[in-house]
Amino acid sequence: MIENGTKKEINYPAEIIFKSIFRNRPYTLESIRSILAEGLIAGEVAHRESSGGKFISYTVTAVFPSEEMLNSVCSKITTLDGYMSMF
């Protein structure tokens, strides 16, 4: 994981928290949960809609067994309809 321009050492399995921003589309929450379930990742997905309702952010808190699995899940999330950003 890279933080502030330097690689941060993470010992897996590790709890990781990240956010992703989407245009507000139906079924995005279910799709993110499905991606986690496919990888047998235990976690929670919280969401918050923008004040105008056009955008929605999802906060994923999950235990990842490896960096490879984290990268795989993140890559799949970026392919979902309406994806805009992840941090």
C-alpha atoms as a PDB file:
ATOM      1  CA  MET A   1       0.000   0.000   0.000  1.00  0.00           C
ATOM      2  CA  ILE A   2       1.323   3.443  -0.878  1.00  0.00           C
ATOM      3  CA  GLU A   3       0.699   6.272   1.562  1.00  0.00           C
ATOM      4  CA  ASN A   4       2.090   9.810   1.232  1.00  0.00           C
ATOM      5  CA  GLY A   5       4.336   8.725  -1.637  1.00  0.00           C
ATOM      6  CA  THR A   6       6.042   5.917   0.287  1.00  0.00           C
ATOM      7  CA  LYS A   7       5.167   2.262   0.459  1.00  0.00           C
ATOM      8  CA  LYS A   8       3.668   1.300   3.808  1.00  0.00           C
ATOM      9  CA  GLU A   9       4.292  -2.246   5.021  1.00  0.00           C
ATOM     10  CA  ILE A  10       1.091  -4.118   5.859  1.00  0.00           C
ATOM     11  CA  ASN A  11       1.065  -7.501   7.540  1.00  0.00           C
ATOM     12  CA  TYR A  12      -1.740  -9.636   6.101  1.00  0.00           C
ATOM     13  CA  PRO A  13      -4.337 -10.639   6.951  1.00  0.00           C
ATOM     14  CA  ALA A  14      -5.224  -7.020   7.683  1.00  0.00           C
ATOM     15  CA  GLU A  15      -8.290  -4.878   8.134  1.00  0.00           C
ATOM     16  CA  ILE A  16      -8.360  -2.326   5.320  1.00  0.00           C
ATOM     17  CA  ILE A  17     -10.731   0.623   4.935  1.00  0.00           C
ATOM     18  CA  PHE A  18     -11.221   2.371   1.607  1.00  0.00           C
ATOM     19  CA  LYS A  19     -13.833   4.549  -0.058  1.00  0.00           C
ATOM     20  CA  SER A  20     -15.150   4.629  -3.573  1.00  0.00           C
ATOM     21  CA  ILE A  21     -17.334   7.251  -5.208  1.00  0.00           C
ATOM     22  CA  PHE A  22     -19.998   6.416  -7.787  1.00  0.00           C
ATOM     23  CA  ARG A  23     -22.711   8.128  -9.710  1.00  0.00           C
ATOM     24  CA  ASN A  24     -25.880   7.046  -7.937  1.00  0.00           C
ATOM     25  CA  ARG A  25     -27.014   3.897  -9.776  1.00  0.00           C
ATOM     26  CA  PRO A  26     -29.244   1.045  -8.647  1.00  0.00           C
ATOM     27  CA  TYR A  27     -27.593  -2.178  -7.482  1.00  0.00           C
ATOM     28  CA  THR A  28     -24.101  -0.758  -6.862  1.00  0.00           C
ATOM     29  CA  LEU A  29     -24.218  -1.677  -3.173  1.00  0.00           C
ATOM     30  CA  GLU A  30     -25.277  -5.224  -4.007  1.00  0.00           C
ATOM     31  CA  SER A  31     -22.530  -5.463  -6.632  1.00  0.00           C
ATOM     32  CA  ILE A  32     -19.825  -4.386  -4.172  1.00  0.00           C
ATOM     33  CA  ARG A  33     -21.098  -6.882  -1.595  1.00  0.00           C
ATOM     34  CA  SER A  34     -21.108  -9.591  -4.260  1.00  0.00           C
ATOM     35  CA  ILE A  35     -17.487  -8.843  -5.197  1.00  0.00           C
ATOM     36  CA  LEU A  36     -16.474  -9.205  -1.543  1.00  0.00           C
ATOM     37  CA  ALA A  37     -18.451 -12.437  -1.181  1.00  0.00           C
ATOM     38  CA  GLU A  38     -16.864 -13.922  -4.327  1.00  0.00           C
ATOM     39  CA  GLY A  39     -13.459 -13.452  -2.716  1.00  0.00           C
ATOM     40  CA  LEU A  40     -14.724 -14.837   0.614  1.00  0.00           C
ATOM     41  CA  ILE A  41     -13.923 -11.458   2.192  1.00  0.00           C
ATOM     42  CA  ALA A  42     -15.635 -10.671   5.489  1.00  0.00           C
ATOM     43  CA  GLY A  43     -16.531  -7.023   5.748  1.00  0.00           C
ATOM     44  CA  GLU A  44     -19.033  -4.205   5.846  1.00  0.00           C
ATOM     45  CA  VAL A  45     -20.072  -1.716   3.199  1.00  0.00           C
ATOM     46  CA  ALA A  46     -21.497   1.583   4.425  1.00  0.00           C
ATOM     47  CA  HIS A  47     -22.894   4.163   2.037  1.00  0.00           C
ATOM     48  CA  ARG A  48     -23.773   7.831   2.007  1.00  0.00           C
ATOM     49  CA  GLU A  49     -25.613   9.724  -0.699  1.00  0.00           C
ATOM     50  CA  SER A  50     -24.629  13.259  -1.714  1.00  0.00           C
ATOM     51  CA  SER A  51     -26.992  16.076  -0.760  1.00  0.00           C
ATOM     52  CA  GLY A  52     -28.256  16.325  -4.332  1.00  0.00           C
ATOM     53  CA  GLY A  53     -28.540  12.558  -4.721  1.00  0.00           C
ATOM     54  CA  LYS A  54     -26.404  12.370  -7.876  1.00  0.00           C
ATOM     55  CA  PHE A  55     -23.442  10.670  -6.200  1.00  0.00           C
ATOM     56  CA  ILE A  56     -22.933   8.071  -3.519  1.00  0.00           C
ATOM     57  CA  SER A  57     -19.854   7.045  -1.555  1.00  0.00           C
ATOM     58  CA  TYR A  58     -19.230   3.549  -0.271  1.00  0.00           C
ATOM     59  CA  THR A  59     -16.888   2.823   2.617  1.00  0.00           C
ATOM     60  CA  VAL A  60     -15.587  -0.733   2.603  1.00  0.00           C
ATOM     61  CA  THR A  61     -14.171  -2.100   5.842  1.00  0.00           C
ATOM     62  CA  ALA A  62     -12.911  -5.647   5.423  1.00  0.00           C
ATOM     63  CA  VAL A  63     -10.229  -8.121   6.406  1.00  0.00           C
ATOM     64  CA  PHE A  64      -8.100  -8.995   3.388  1.00  0.00           C
ATOM     65  CA  PRO A  65      -5.911 -12.123   3.474  1.00  0.00           C
ATOM     66  CA  SER A  66      -3.343 -10.704   1.033  1.00  0.00           C
ATOM     67  CA  GLU A  67      -2.375  -7.674  -1.017  1.00  0.00           C
ATOM     68  CA  GLU A  68      -3.244  -9.623  -4.152  1.00  0.00           C
ATOM     69  CA  MET A  69      -6.809 -10.139  -2.941  1.00  0.00           C
ATOM     70  CA  LEU A  70      -7.106  -6.449  -2.002  1.00  0.00           C
ATOM     71  CA  ASN A  71      -5.902  -5.445  -5.475  1.00  0.00           C
ATOM     72  CA  SER A  72      -8.278  -7.910  -7.124  1.00  0.00           C
ATOM     73  CA  VAL A  73     -11.312  -6.609  -5.215  1.00  0.00           C
ATOM     74  CA  CYS A  74     -10.392  -2.977  -5.908  1.00  0.00           C
ATOM     75  CA  SER A  75      -9.915  -3.716  -9.612  1.00  0.00           C
ATOM     76  CA  LYS A  76     -13.339  -5.342  -9.842  1.00  0.00           C
ATOM     77  CA  ILE A  77     -14.998  -2.427  -8.051  1.00  0.00           C
ATOM     78  CA  THR A  78     -13.506   0.030 -10.546  1.00  0.00           C
ATOM     79  CA  THR A  79     -15.275  -1.788 -13.400  1.00  0.00           C
ATOM     80  CA  LEU A  80     -18.761  -1.212 -11.970  1.00  0.00           C
ATOM     81  CA  ASP A  81     -21.132   1.147 -13.768  1.00  0.00           C
ATOM     82  CA  GLY A  82     -20.895   4.701 -12.441  1.00  0.00           C
ATOM     83  CA  TYR A  83     -17.469   4.329 -10.817  1.00  0.00           C
ATOM     84  CA  MET A  84     -15.615   7.629 -10.401  1.00  0.00           C
ATOM     85  CA  SER A  85     -12.868   7.450  -7.760  1.00  0.00           C
ATOM     86  CA  MET A  86     -11.318   5.348  -5.007  1.00  0.00           C
ATOM     87  CA  PHE A  87      -9.187   6.324  -2.045  1.00  0.00           C
END
